[in-house]
């Protein structure tokens, strides 16, 4: 039970930090579109995904849930201007999937911007959509998002999965940072961000059950907290999660008193915006890992009693 409290506290502190720094979820409307207007949408989409998991799992306290909803309201209303900034982004880069990727979790949580939805349906009909060049894991994610939106995935999720690193279960000692991130996101997409662990193919679940403990040890020793957090999420997606006590204790110890989670070793220095850009992702991952692992731990306790 101590481990469950520790895991839960990581998420509570992370959400509090994200709420305190909500104004740093910002866009740059005046930036030249040729140098990346859509790049600043990524943190907002990730926030919506993680908040959706928090509401779905139902293990957050009332204050944590209120903060998460307030964060979503703030980013939708003030940062995205009620979704109109997504419309603008789609007009700047008509075939970019980013506005669609950011919009979907908001839509699933009750927010609406019809023009973005019309663009998603139109783009899905175009040959350029399926020809859009993306790495195999992101292509799998786009297919999963199409299914969740109500569109027929192009390509199918099974076809997209076959091209990923994890689907081929290669030599586990060849994993390095970039590969590890593709492994984690392949699992996220296959399980709909932990909602359906049973959708993880048995051979992949067995491969991960064998090698994930080794990878957890490696990235704990390297103090690479962002990736360790994502691997802890993968563990919670397995049929029999380990909820590794050593990894969780090390992960929790890296979290700062204010709830921020450094990406690597210790907190970076710089302006508030610069620091936010470096630590918002590991802090979101900390909230994600906390919610999913706490939910799995409580389920195991309920089944054991």
C-alpha atoms as a PDB file:
ATOM      1  CA  UNK A   1       0.000   0.000   0.000  1.00  0.00           C
ATOM      2  CA  UNK A   2       2.954   2.316   0.621  1.00  0.00           C
ATOM      3  CA  UNK A   3       3.985   1.862  -3.027  1.00  0.00           C
ATOM      4  CA  UNK A   4       0.461   2.757  -4.177  1.00  0.00           C
ATOM      5  CA  UNK A   5       0.526   5.952  -2.116  1.00  0.00           C
ATOM      6  CA  UNK A   6       3.948   6.823  -3.539  1.00  0.00           C
ATOM      7  CA  UNK A   7       2.756   6.290  -7.130  1.00  0.00           C
ATOM      8  CA  UNK A   8      -0.396   8.308  -6.499  1.00  0.00           C
ATOM      9  CA  UNK A   9       1.516  11.200  -4.948  1.00  0.00           C
ATOM     10  CA  UNK A  10       3.720  11.508  -8.045  1.00  0.00           C
ATOM     11  CA  UNK A  11       0.620  12.186 -10.150  1.00  0.00           C
ATOM     12  CA  UNK A  12      -0.925  14.618  -7.691  1.00  0.00           C
ATOM     13  CA  UNK A  13       2.256  16.692  -7.562  1.00  0.00           C
ATOM     14  CA  UNK A  14       2.658  16.596 -11.347  1.00  0.00           C
ATOM     15  CA  UNK A  15      -0.875  17.885 -11.989  1.00  0.00           C
ATOM     16  CA  UNK A  16      -0.354  20.658  -9.443  1.00  0.00           C
ATOM     17  CA  UNK A  17       2.821  21.762 -11.257  1.00  0.00           C
ATOM     18  CA  UNK A  18       1.072  21.690 -14.642  1.00  0.00           C
ATOM     19  CA  UNK A  19      -1.792  23.775 -13.268  1.00  0.00           C
ATOM     20  CA  UNK A  20       0.563  26.309 -11.712  1.00  0.00           C
ATOM     21  CA  UNK A  21       2.394  26.644 -15.058  1.00  0.00           C
ATOM     22  CA  UNK A  22      -0.704  26.515 -17.283  1.00  0.00           C
ATOM     23  CA  UNK A  23       0.098  29.812 -18.998  1.00  0.00           C
ATOM     24  CA  UNK A  24       3.246  28.256 -20.455  1.00  0.00           C
ATOM     25  CA  UNK A  25       1.044  26.077 -22.669  1.00  0.00           C
ATOM     26  CA  UNK A  26       1.295  28.740 -25.310  1.00  0.00           C
ATOM     27  CA  UNK A  27       1.220  29.172 -29.055  1.00  0.00           C
ATOM     28  CA  UNK A  28       3.258  31.534 -31.177  1.00  0.00           C
ATOM     29  CA  UNK A  29       0.645  32.996 -33.549  1.00  0.00           C
ATOM     30  CA  UNK A  30       3.058  35.471 -35.104  1.00  0.00           C
ATOM     31  CA  UNK A  31       5.806  32.976 -35.948  1.00  0.00           C
ATOM     32  CA  UNK A  32       6.582  32.422 -39.611  1.00  0.00           C
ATOM     33  CA  UNK A  33       4.617  29.274 -40.568  1.00  0.00           C
ATOM     34  CA  UNK A  34       7.642  28.048 -42.488  1.00  0.00           C
ATOM     35  CA  UNK A  35       9.565  27.632 -39.211  1.00  0.00           C
ATOM     36  CA  UNK A  36       6.981  25.718 -37.255  1.00  0.00           C
ATOM     37  CA  UNK A  37       3.699  27.336 -36.208  1.00  0.00           C
ATOM     38  CA  UNK A  38       2.286  23.868 -35.499  1.00  0.00           C
ATOM     39  CA  UNK A  39       5.202  22.766 -33.302  1.00  0.00           C
ATOM     40  CA  UNK A  40       3.741  24.469 -30.224  1.00  0.00           C
ATOM     41  CA  UNK A  41       0.529  22.437 -30.472  1.00  0.00           C
ATOM     42  CA  UNK A  42       2.255  19.240 -29.308  1.00  0.00           C
ATOM     43  CA  UNK A  43       2.239  19.995 -25.541  1.00  0.00           C
ATOM     44  CA  UNK A  44      -1.477  20.827 -25.670  1.00  0.00           C
ATOM     45  CA  UNK A  45      -2.379  17.576 -27.403  1.00  0.00           C
ATOM     46  CA  UNK A  46      -0.317  15.582 -24.916  1.00  0.00           C
ATOM     47  CA  UNK A  47      -2.008  17.354 -22.016  1.00  0.00           C
ATOM     48  CA  UNK A  48      -5.437  16.438 -23.362  1.00  0.00           C
ATOM     49  CA  UNK A  49      -4.433  12.794 -23.815  1.00  0.00           C
ATOM     50  CA  UNK A  50      -3.143  12.483 -20.262  1.00  0.00           C
ATOM     51  CA  UNK A  51      -6.155  14.230 -18.730  1.00  0.00           C
ATOM     52  CA  UNK A  52      -8.416  11.837 -20.630  1.00  0.00           C
ATOM     53  CA  UNK A  53      -6.555   8.913 -19.026  1.00  0.00           C
ATOM     54  CA  UNK A  54      -6.902  10.539 -15.610  1.00  0.00           C
ATOM     55  CA  UNK A  55     -10.689  10.871 -15.958  1.00  0.00           C
ATOM     56  CA  UNK A  56     -11.037   7.388 -17.450  1.00  0.00           C
ATOM     57  CA  UNK A  57      -9.179   5.527 -14.710  1.00  0.00           C
ATOM     58  CA  UNK A  58     -11.113   7.198 -11.900  1.00  0.00           C
ATOM     59  CA  UNK A  59      -8.322   7.052  -9.319  1.00  0.00           C
ATOM     60  CA  UNK A  60      -7.674  10.789  -9.078  1.00  0.00           C
ATOM     61  CA  UNK A  61      -8.841  12.688  -6.018  1.00  0.00           C
ATOM     62  CA  UNK A  62     -11.522  15.329  -6.462  1.00  0.00           C
ATOM     63  CA  UNK A  63      -9.026  18.205  -6.309  1.00  0.00           C
ATOM     64  CA  UNK A  64      -6.742  16.563  -8.880  1.00  0.00           C
ATOM     65  CA  UNK A  65      -9.698  15.933 -11.201  1.00  0.00           C
ATOM     66  CA  UNK A  66     -10.865  19.547 -10.847  1.00  0.00           C
ATOM     67  CA  UNK A  67      -7.385  20.824 -11.726  1.00  0.00           C
ATOM     68  CA  UNK A  68      -7.227  18.564 -14.774  1.00  0.00           C
ATOM     69  CA  UNK A  69     -10.606  19.792 -16.024  1.00  0.00           C
ATOM     70  CA  UNK A  70      -9.612  23.403 -15.371  1.00  0.00           C
ATOM     71  CA  UNK A  71      -6.377  22.822 -17.321  1.00  0.00           C
ATOM     72  CA  UNK A  72      -8.354  21.515 -20.278  1.00  0.00           C
ATOM     73  CA  UNK A  73     -10.831  24.389 -20.130  1.00  0.00           C
ATOM     74  CA  UNK A  74      -7.965  26.874 -19.981  1.00  0.00           C
ATOM     75  CA  UNK A  75      -6.047  25.431 -22.920  1.00  0.00           C
ATOM     76  CA  UNK A  76      -9.176  24.991 -25.039  1.00  0.00           C
ATOM     77  CA  UNK A  77     -10.605  28.432 -24.321  1.00  0.00           C
ATOM     78  CA  UNK A  78      -7.521  30.602 -23.906  1.00  0.00           C
ATOM     79  CA  UNK A  79      -4.696  28.838 -25.752  1.00  0.00           C
ATOM     80  CA  UNK A  80      -6.626  27.276 -28.634  1.00  0.00           C
ATOM     81  CA  UNK A  81      -9.243  30.053 -28.724  1.00  0.00           C
ATOM     82  CA  UNK A  82     -12.087  27.565 -28.626  1.00  0.00           C
ATOM     83  CA  UNK A  83     -10.429  25.454 -31.306  1.00  0.00           C
ATOM     84  CA  UNK A  84     -10.059  28.324 -33.780  1.00  0.00           C
ATOM     85  CA  UNK A  85      -6.266  28.091 -33.594  1.00  0.00           C
ATOM     86  CA  UNK A  86      -6.545  24.478 -34.758  1.00  0.00           C
ATOM     87  CA  UNK A  87      -8.549  25.701 -37.746  1.00  0.00           C
ATOM     88  CA  UNK A  88      -5.828  28.236 -38.463  1.00  0.00           C
ATOM     89  CA  UNK A  89      -3.148  25.577 -38.212  1.00  0.00           C
ATOM     90  CA  UNK A  90      -5.056  23.329 -40.621  1.00  0.00           C
ATOM     91  CA  UNK A  91      -5.291  26.157 -43.133  1.00  0.00           C
ATOM     92  CA  UNK A  92      -1.553  26.853 -42.893  1.00  0.00           C
ATOM     93  CA  UNK A  93      -0.643  23.170 -43.398  1.00  0.00           C
ATOM     94  CA  UNK A  94      -3.721  21.528 -44.964  1.00  0.00           C
ATOM     95  CA  UNK A  95      -2.402  17.954 -44.924  1.00  0.00           C
ATOM     96  CA  UNK A  96      -0.670  18.090 -41.541  1.00  0.00           C
ATOM     97  CA  UNK A  97      -2.224  15.581 -39.107  1.00  0.00           C
ATOM     98  CA  UNK A  98      -1.233  17.716 -36.090  1.00  0.00           C
ATOM     99  CA  UNK A  99      -4.529  19.663 -35.706  1.00  0.00           C
ATOM    100  CA  UNK A 100      -6.433  16.360 -35.963  1.00  0.00           C
ATOM    101  CA  UNK A 101      -4.155  14.657 -33.430  1.00  0.00           C
ATOM    102  CA  UNK A 102      -4.551  17.525 -30.962  1.00  0.00           C
ATOM    103  CA  UNK A 103      -8.296  17.833 -31.502  1.00  0.00           C
ATOM    104  CA  UNK A 104      -9.324  14.189 -31.041  1.00  0.00           C
ATOM    105  CA  UNK A 105      -8.798  13.869 -27.252  1.00  0.00           C
ATOM    106  CA  UNK A 106     -10.556  17.213 -26.746  1.00  0.00           C
ATOM    107  CA  UNK A 107     -13.480  15.946 -28.841  1.00  0.00           C
ATOM    108  CA  UNK A 108     -13.607  12.750 -26.780  1.00  0.00           C
ATOM    109  CA  UNK A 109     -13.812  14.918 -23.652  1.00  0.00           C
ATOM    110  CA  UNK A 110     -16.756  16.959 -24.934  1.00  0.00           C
ATOM    111  CA  UNK A 111     -15.156  19.919 -26.734  1.00  0.00           C
ATOM    112  CA  UNK A 112     -16.188  20.713 -30.291  1.00  0.00           C
ATOM    113  CA  UNK A 113     -14.880  22.554 -33.343  1.00  0.00           C
ATOM    114  CA  UNK A 114     -16.873  21.483 -36.430  1.00  0.00           C
ATOM    115  CA  UNK A 115     -14.452  22.980 -38.953  1.00  0.00           C
ATOM    116  CA  UNK A 116     -11.611  20.788 -37.709  1.00  0.00           C
ATOM    117  CA  UNK A 117     -13.892  17.759 -37.980  1.00  0.00           C
ATOM    118  CA  UNK A 118     -14.844  18.621 -41.558  1.00  0.00           C
ATOM    119  CA  UNK A 119     -11.168  18.984 -42.459  1.00  0.00           C
ATOM    120  CA  UNK A 120     -10.400  15.575 -40.912  1.00  0.00           C
ATOM    121  CA  UNK A 121     -13.122  13.887 -42.988  1.00  0.00           C
ATOM    122  CA  UNK A 122     -11.988  15.653 -46.157  1.00  0.00           C
ATOM    123  CA  UNK A 123      -8.308  14.878 -45.621  1.00  0.00           C
ATOM    124  CA  UNK A 124      -9.088  11.224 -44.984  1.00  0.00           C
ATOM    125  CA  UNK A 125     -10.410  10.957 -48.561  1.00  0.00           C
ATOM    126  CA  UNK A 126      -7.218  12.302 -50.100  1.00  0.00           C
ATOM    127  CA  UNK A 127      -4.402  10.147 -51.392  1.00  0.00           C
ATOM    128  CA  UNK A 128      -2.022  12.597 -49.776  1.00  0.00           C
ATOM    129  CA  UNK A 129      -3.257  11.538 -46.331  1.00  0.00           C
ATOM    130  CA  UNK A 130      -2.152   7.924 -46.651  1.00  0.00           C
ATOM    131  CA  UNK A 131       0.955   9.047 -48.560  1.00  0.00           C
ATOM    132  CA  UNK A 132       1.955  11.451 -45.768  1.00  0.00           C
ATOM    133  CA  UNK A 133       5.433  10.365 -44.700  1.00  0.00           C
ATOM    134  CA  UNK A 134       5.664   9.361 -41.036  1.00  0.00           C
ATOM    135  CA  UNK A 135       7.707   6.883 -39.044  1.00  0.00           C
ATOM    136  CA  UNK A 136       5.949   3.527 -38.516  1.00  0.00           C
ATOM    137  CA  UNK A 137       4.971   4.193 -34.904  1.00  0.00           C
ATOM    138  CA  UNK A 138       3.374   7.526 -35.694  1.00  0.00           C
ATOM    139  CA  UNK A 139       1.599   5.970 -38.655  1.00  0.00           C
ATOM    140  CA  UNK A 140       0.163   3.374 -36.262  1.00  0.00           C
ATOM    141  CA  UNK A 141      -0.957   6.210 -33.992  1.00  0.00           C
ATOM    142  CA  UNK A 142      -2.658   8.032 -36.853  1.00  0.00           C
ATOM    143  CA  UNK A 143      -4.518   4.856 -37.818  1.00  0.00           C
ATOM    144  CA  UNK A 144      -5.640   4.389 -34.195  1.00  0.00           C
ATOM    145  CA  UNK A 145      -6.806   8.007 -34.043  1.00  0.00           C
ATOM    146  CA  UNK A 146      -8.774   7.585 -37.282  1.00  0.00           C
ATOM    147  CA  UNK A 147     -10.555   4.569 -35.776  1.00  0.00           C
ATOM    148  CA  UNK A 148     -11.366   6.480 -32.607  1.00  0.00           C
ATOM    149  CA  UNK A 149     -12.724   9.376 -34.682  1.00  0.00           C
ATOM    150  CA  UNK A 150     -14.999   6.982 -36.609  1.00  0.00           C
ATOM    151  CA  UNK A 151     -13.027   6.762 -39.855  1.00  0.00           C
ATOM    152  CA  UNK A 152     -11.695   3.625 -41.521  1.00  0.00           C
ATOM    153  CA  UNK A 153      -7.941   3.609 -40.760  1.00  0.00           C
ATOM    154  CA  UNK A 154      -5.641   4.128 -43.744  1.00  0.00           C
ATOM    155  CA  UNK A 155      -3.539   1.992 -43.526  1.00  0.00           C
ATOM    156  CA  UNK A 156      -5.140  -0.540 -41.196  1.00  0.00           C
ATOM    157  CA  UNK A 157      -3.699  -0.747 -37.694  1.00  0.00           C
ATOM    158  CA  UNK A 158      -2.522  -4.311 -38.349  1.00  0.00           C
ATOM    159  CA  UNK A 159      -0.642  -3.180 -41.451  1.00  0.00           C
ATOM    160  CA  UNK A 160       0.846  -0.198 -39.643  1.00  0.00           C
ATOM    161  CA  UNK A 161       1.891  -2.340 -36.668  1.00  0.00           C
ATOM    162  CA  UNK A 162       3.842  -4.729 -38.871  1.00  0.00           C
ATOM    163  CA  UNK A 163       6.273  -1.981 -39.859  1.00  0.00           C
ATOM    164  CA  UNK A 164       7.179  -1.023 -36.264  1.00  0.00           C
ATOM    165  CA  UNK A 165      10.346  -2.065 -34.433  1.00  0.00           C
ATOM    166  CA  UNK A 166       8.438  -3.759 -31.616  1.00  0.00           C
ATOM    167  CA  UNK A 167       6.340  -5.926 -33.941  1.00  0.00           C
ATOM    168  CA  UNK A 168       9.512  -7.632 -35.126  1.00  0.00           C
ATOM    169  CA  UNK A 169      10.741  -8.298 -31.554  1.00  0.00           C
ATOM    170  CA  UNK A 170      14.405  -7.718 -32.480  1.00  0.00           C
ATOM    171  CA  UNK A 171      17.482  -8.227 -30.314  1.00  0.00           C
ATOM    172  CA  UNK A 172      16.580  -6.463 -27.049  1.00  0.00           C
ATOM    173  CA  UNK A 173      20.138  -5.290 -26.367  1.00  0.00           C
ATOM    174  CA  UNK A 174      19.967  -3.041 -29.451  1.00  0.00           C
ATOM    175  CA  UNK A 175      17.459  -0.745 -27.767  1.00  0.00           C
ATOM    176  CA  UNK A 176      18.634   2.830 -27.309  1.00  0.00           C
ATOM    177  CA  UNK A 177      16.730   6.009 -26.550  1.00  0.00           C
ATOM    178  CA  UNK A 178      15.039   6.598 -29.905  1.00  0.00           C
ATOM    179  CA  UNK A 179      14.038   2.955 -30.272  1.00  0.00           C
ATOM    180  CA  UNK A 180      12.757   2.837 -26.701  1.00  0.00           C
ATOM    181  CA  UNK A 181      10.445   5.782 -27.338  1.00  0.00           C
ATOM    182  CA  UNK A 182       9.007   4.018 -30.397  1.00  0.00           C
ATOM    183  CA  UNK A 183       8.447   0.908 -28.261  1.00  0.00           C
ATOM    184  CA  UNK A 184       6.537   2.866 -25.631  1.00  0.00           C
ATOM    185  CA  UNK A 185       4.342   4.652 -28.166  1.00  0.00           C
ATOM    186  CA  UNK A 186       3.621   1.452 -30.069  1.00  0.00           C
ATOM    187  CA  UNK A 187       2.220   0.066 -26.815  1.00  0.00           C
ATOM    188  CA  UNK A 188       0.273   3.280 -26.117  1.00  0.00           C
ATOM    189  CA  UNK A 189      -1.390   3.164 -29.547  1.00  0.00           C
ATOM    190  CA  UNK A 190      -2.125  -0.562 -29.429  1.00  0.00           C
ATOM    191  CA  UNK A 191      -3.797  -0.275 -26.017  1.00  0.00           C
ATOM    192  CA  UNK A 192      -5.458   3.125 -26.590  1.00  0.00           C
ATOM    193  CA  UNK A 193      -3.222   4.715 -23.960  1.00  0.00           C
ATOM    194  CA  UNK A 194      -3.687   1.901 -21.475  1.00  0.00           C
ATOM    195  CA  UNK A 195      -7.460   1.543 -21.815  1.00  0.00           C
ATOM    196  CA  UNK A 196      -7.333  -1.903 -23.440  1.00  0.00           C
ATOM    197  CA  UNK A 197      -4.274  -3.888 -22.295  1.00  0.00           C
ATOM    198  CA  UNK A 198      -5.879  -6.975 -23.863  1.00  0.00           C
ATOM    199  CA  UNK A 199      -5.242  -5.501 -27.327  1.00  0.00           C
ATOM    200  CA  UNK A 200      -1.508  -6.014 -26.888  1.00  0.00           C
ATOM    201  CA  UNK A 201      -0.702  -9.109 -28.999  1.00  0.00           C
ATOM    202  CA  UNK A 202       0.393 -12.009 -26.767  1.00  0.00           C
ATOM    203  CA  UNK A 203       3.811 -12.377 -28.409  1.00  0.00           C
ATOM    204  CA  UNK A 204       4.566  -8.692 -27.850  1.00  0.00           C
ATOM    205  CA  UNK A 205       3.312  -8.864 -24.257  1.00  0.00           C
ATOM    206  CA  UNK A 206       5.603 -11.843 -23.609  1.00  0.00           C
ATOM    207  CA  UNK A 207       8.586 -10.094 -25.205  1.00  0.00           C
ATOM    208  CA  UNK A 208       7.997  -6.990 -23.089  1.00  0.00           C
ATOM    209  CA  UNK A 209       7.442  -8.986 -19.904  1.00  0.00           C
ATOM    210  CA  UNK A 210      10.857 -10.585 -20.448  1.00  0.00           C
ATOM    211  CA  UNK A 211      12.888  -7.507 -21.370  1.00  0.00           C
ATOM    212  CA  UNK A 212      11.117  -4.522 -19.832  1.00  0.00           C
ATOM    213  CA  UNK A 213      12.608  -5.136 -16.347  1.00  0.00           C
ATOM    214  CA  UNK A 214      16.090  -4.925 -17.883  1.00  0.00           C
ATOM    215  CA  UNK A 215      15.247  -1.673 -19.677  1.00  0.00           C
ATOM    216  CA  UNK A 216      13.765  -0.200 -16.497  1.00  0.00           C
ATOM    217  CA  UNK A 217      17.024  -0.936 -14.667  1.00  0.00           C
ATOM    218  CA  UNK A 218      19.070   0.601 -17.475  1.00  0.00           C
ATOM    219  CA  UNK A 219      17.210   3.897 -17.642  1.00  0.00           C
ATOM    220  CA  UNK A 220      16.894   4.139 -13.887  1.00  0.00           C
ATOM    221  CA  UNK A 221      20.681   3.848 -13.626  1.00  0.00           C
ATOM    222  CA  UNK A 222      21.061   6.470 -16.372  1.00  0.00           C
ATOM    223  CA  UNK A 223      18.586   8.728 -14.512  1.00  0.00           C
ATOM    224  CA  UNK A 224      16.713   9.325 -17.758  1.00  0.00           C
ATOM    225  CA  UNK A 225      13.425  10.138 -16.075  1.00  0.00           C
ATOM    226  CA  UNK A 226      11.300  10.956 -19.117  1.00  0.00           C
ATOM    227  CA  UNK A 227      11.944   7.605 -20.756  1.00  0.00           C
ATOM    228  CA  UNK A 228      11.778   5.734 -17.454  1.00  0.00           C
ATOM    229  CA  UNK A 229       8.319   7.219 -16.901  1.00  0.00           C
ATOM    230  CA  UNK A 230       7.130   6.027 -20.307  1.00  0.00           C
ATOM    231  CA  UNK A 231       8.493   2.541 -19.618  1.00  0.00           C
ATOM    232  CA  UNK A 232       6.610   2.508 -16.299  1.00  0.00           C
ATOM    233  CA  UNK A 233       3.459   3.208 -18.315  1.00  0.00           C
ATOM    234  CA  UNK A 234       4.290   0.263 -20.590  1.00  0.00           C
ATOM    235  CA  UNK A 235       4.654  -1.923 -17.505  1.00  0.00           C
ATOM    236  CA  UNK A 236       1.166  -0.868 -16.380  1.00  0.00           C
ATOM    237  CA  UNK A 237      -0.170  -1.889 -19.814  1.00  0.00           C
ATOM    238  CA  UNK A 238       1.049  -5.488 -19.485  1.00  0.00           C
ATOM    239  CA  UNK A 239      -1.297  -8.332 -18.491  1.00  0.00           C
ATOM    240  CA  UNK A 240       0.791  -8.809 -15.317  1.00  0.00           C
ATOM    241  CA  UNK A 241       2.467  -5.491 -14.466  1.00  0.00           C
ATOM    242  CA  UNK A 242       5.432  -5.623 -12.105  1.00  0.00           C
ATOM    243  CA  UNK A 243       4.920  -2.087 -10.723  1.00  0.00           C
ATOM    244  CA  UNK A 244       8.669  -2.316 -10.102  1.00  0.00           C
ATOM    245  CA  UNK A 245       9.292  -0.892  -6.577  1.00  0.00           C
ATOM    246  CA  UNK A 246      12.923   0.083  -7.230  1.00  0.00           C
ATOM    247  CA  UNK A 247      12.069   1.910 -10.448  1.00  0.00           C
ATOM    248  CA  UNK A 248       9.138   3.703  -8.838  1.00  0.00           C
ATOM    249  CA  UNK A 249      11.146   4.751  -5.799  1.00  0.00           C
ATOM    250  CA  UNK A 250      13.897   6.168  -8.022  1.00  0.00           C
ATOM    251  CA  UNK A 251      11.371   7.895 -10.268  1.00  0.00           C
ATOM    252  CA  UNK A 252       9.519   9.462  -7.324  1.00  0.00           C
ATOM    253  CA  UNK A 253      12.794  10.617  -5.745  1.00  0.00           C
ATOM    254  CA  UNK A 254      13.677  12.508  -8.949  1.00  0.00           C
ATOM    255  CA  UNK A 255      10.485  14.563  -8.793  1.00  0.00           C
ATOM    256  CA  UNK A 256      11.023  18.079  -7.491  1.00  0.00           C
ATOM    257  CA  UNK A 257       9.197  19.406  -4.394  1.00  0.00           C
ATOM    258  CA  UNK A 258       6.975  21.549  -6.660  1.00  0.00           C
ATOM    259  CA  UNK A 259       5.983  18.516  -8.770  1.00  0.00           C
ATOM    260  CA  UNK A 260       8.219  19.096 -11.810  1.00  0.00           C
ATOM    261  CA  UNK A 261       9.990  16.060 -13.228  1.00  0.00           C
ATOM    262  CA  UNK A 262      13.341  16.609 -14.965  1.00  0.00           C
ATOM    263  CA  UNK A 263      13.867  14.800 -18.239  1.00  0.00           C
ATOM    264  CA  UNK A 264      17.446  13.789 -17.493  1.00  0.00           C
ATOM    265  CA  UNK A 265      19.324  13.703 -14.195  1.00  0.00           C
ATOM    266  CA  UNK A 266      18.581  17.133 -12.641  1.00  0.00           C
ATOM    267  CA  UNK A 267      16.454  20.187 -13.345  1.00  0.00           C
ATOM    268  CA  UNK A 268      17.632  22.412 -16.210  1.00  0.00           C
ATOM    269  CA  UNK A 269      18.327  26.118 -15.879  1.00  0.00           C
ATOM    270  CA  UNK A 270      17.008  28.981 -17.991  1.00  0.00           C
ATOM    271  CA  UNK A 271      14.042  31.305 -18.355  1.00  0.00           C
ATOM    272  CA  UNK A 272      10.642  30.056 -17.134  1.00  0.00           C
ATOM    273  CA  UNK A 273       9.545  29.367 -20.722  1.00  0.00           C
ATOM    274  CA  UNK A 274      12.755  27.478 -21.490  1.00  0.00           C
ATOM    275  CA  UNK A 275      12.509  25.358 -18.341  1.00  0.00           C
ATOM    276  CA  UNK A 276       8.840  24.604 -19.036  1.00  0.00           C
ATOM    277  CA  UNK A 277       9.628  23.435 -22.562  1.00  0.00           C
ATOM    278  CA  UNK A 278      12.240  21.032 -21.168  1.00  0.00           C
ATOM    279  CA  UNK A 279      10.234  19.546 -18.295  1.00  0.00           C
ATOM    280  CA  UNK A 280       6.555  19.717 -19.279  1.00  0.00           C
ATOM    281  CA  UNK A 281       6.786  16.356 -21.086  1.00  0.00           C
ATOM    282  CA  UNK A 282       8.420  14.320 -18.295  1.00  0.00           C
ATOM    283  CA  UNK A 283       5.963  15.929 -15.866  1.00  0.00           C
ATOM    284  CA  UNK A 284       3.012  14.902 -18.055  1.00  0.00           C
ATOM    285  CA  UNK A 285       4.530  11.423 -18.298  1.00  0.00           C
ATOM    286  CA  UNK A 286       4.793  11.318 -14.503  1.00  0.00           C
ATOM    287  CA  UNK A 287       1.062  12.065 -14.248  1.00  0.00           C
ATOM    288  CA  UNK A 288       0.302   9.401 -16.891  1.00  0.00           C
ATOM    289  CA  UNK A 289       2.442   6.733 -15.228  1.00  0.00           C
ATOM    290  CA  UNK A 290       1.038   7.569 -11.804  1.00  0.00           C
ATOM    291  CA  UNK A 291      -2.617   7.303 -12.837  1.00  0.00           C
ATOM    292  CA  UNK A 292      -2.231   4.067 -14.778  1.00  0.00           C
ATOM    293  CA  UNK A 293       0.025   2.331 -12.239  1.00  0.00           C
ATOM    294  CA  UNK A 294      -2.178   3.414  -9.316  1.00  0.00           C
ATOM    295  CA  UNK A 295      -5.237   2.079 -11.121  1.00  0.00           C
ATOM    296  CA  UNK A 296      -3.540  -1.269 -11.791  1.00  0.00           C
ATOM    297  CA  UNK A 297      -2.245  -1.519  -8.212  1.00  0.00           C
ATOM    298  CA  UNK A 298      -5.707  -0.892  -6.774  1.00  0.00           C
ATOM    299  CA  UNK A 299      -7.224  -3.453  -9.150  1.00  0.00           C
ATOM    300  CA  UNK A 300      -4.717  -6.058  -7.993  1.00  0.00           C
ATOM    301  CA  UNK A 301      -5.492  -5.290  -4.364  1.00  0.00           C
ATOM    302  CA  UNK A 302      -9.214  -5.635  -5.033  1.00  0.00           C
ATOM    303  CA  UNK A 303      -8.737  -8.998  -6.757  1.00  0.00           C
ATOM    304  CA  UNK A 304      -6.489 -10.240  -3.945  1.00  0.00           C
ATOM    305  CA  UNK A 305      -9.005  -9.414  -1.206  1.00  0.00           C
END
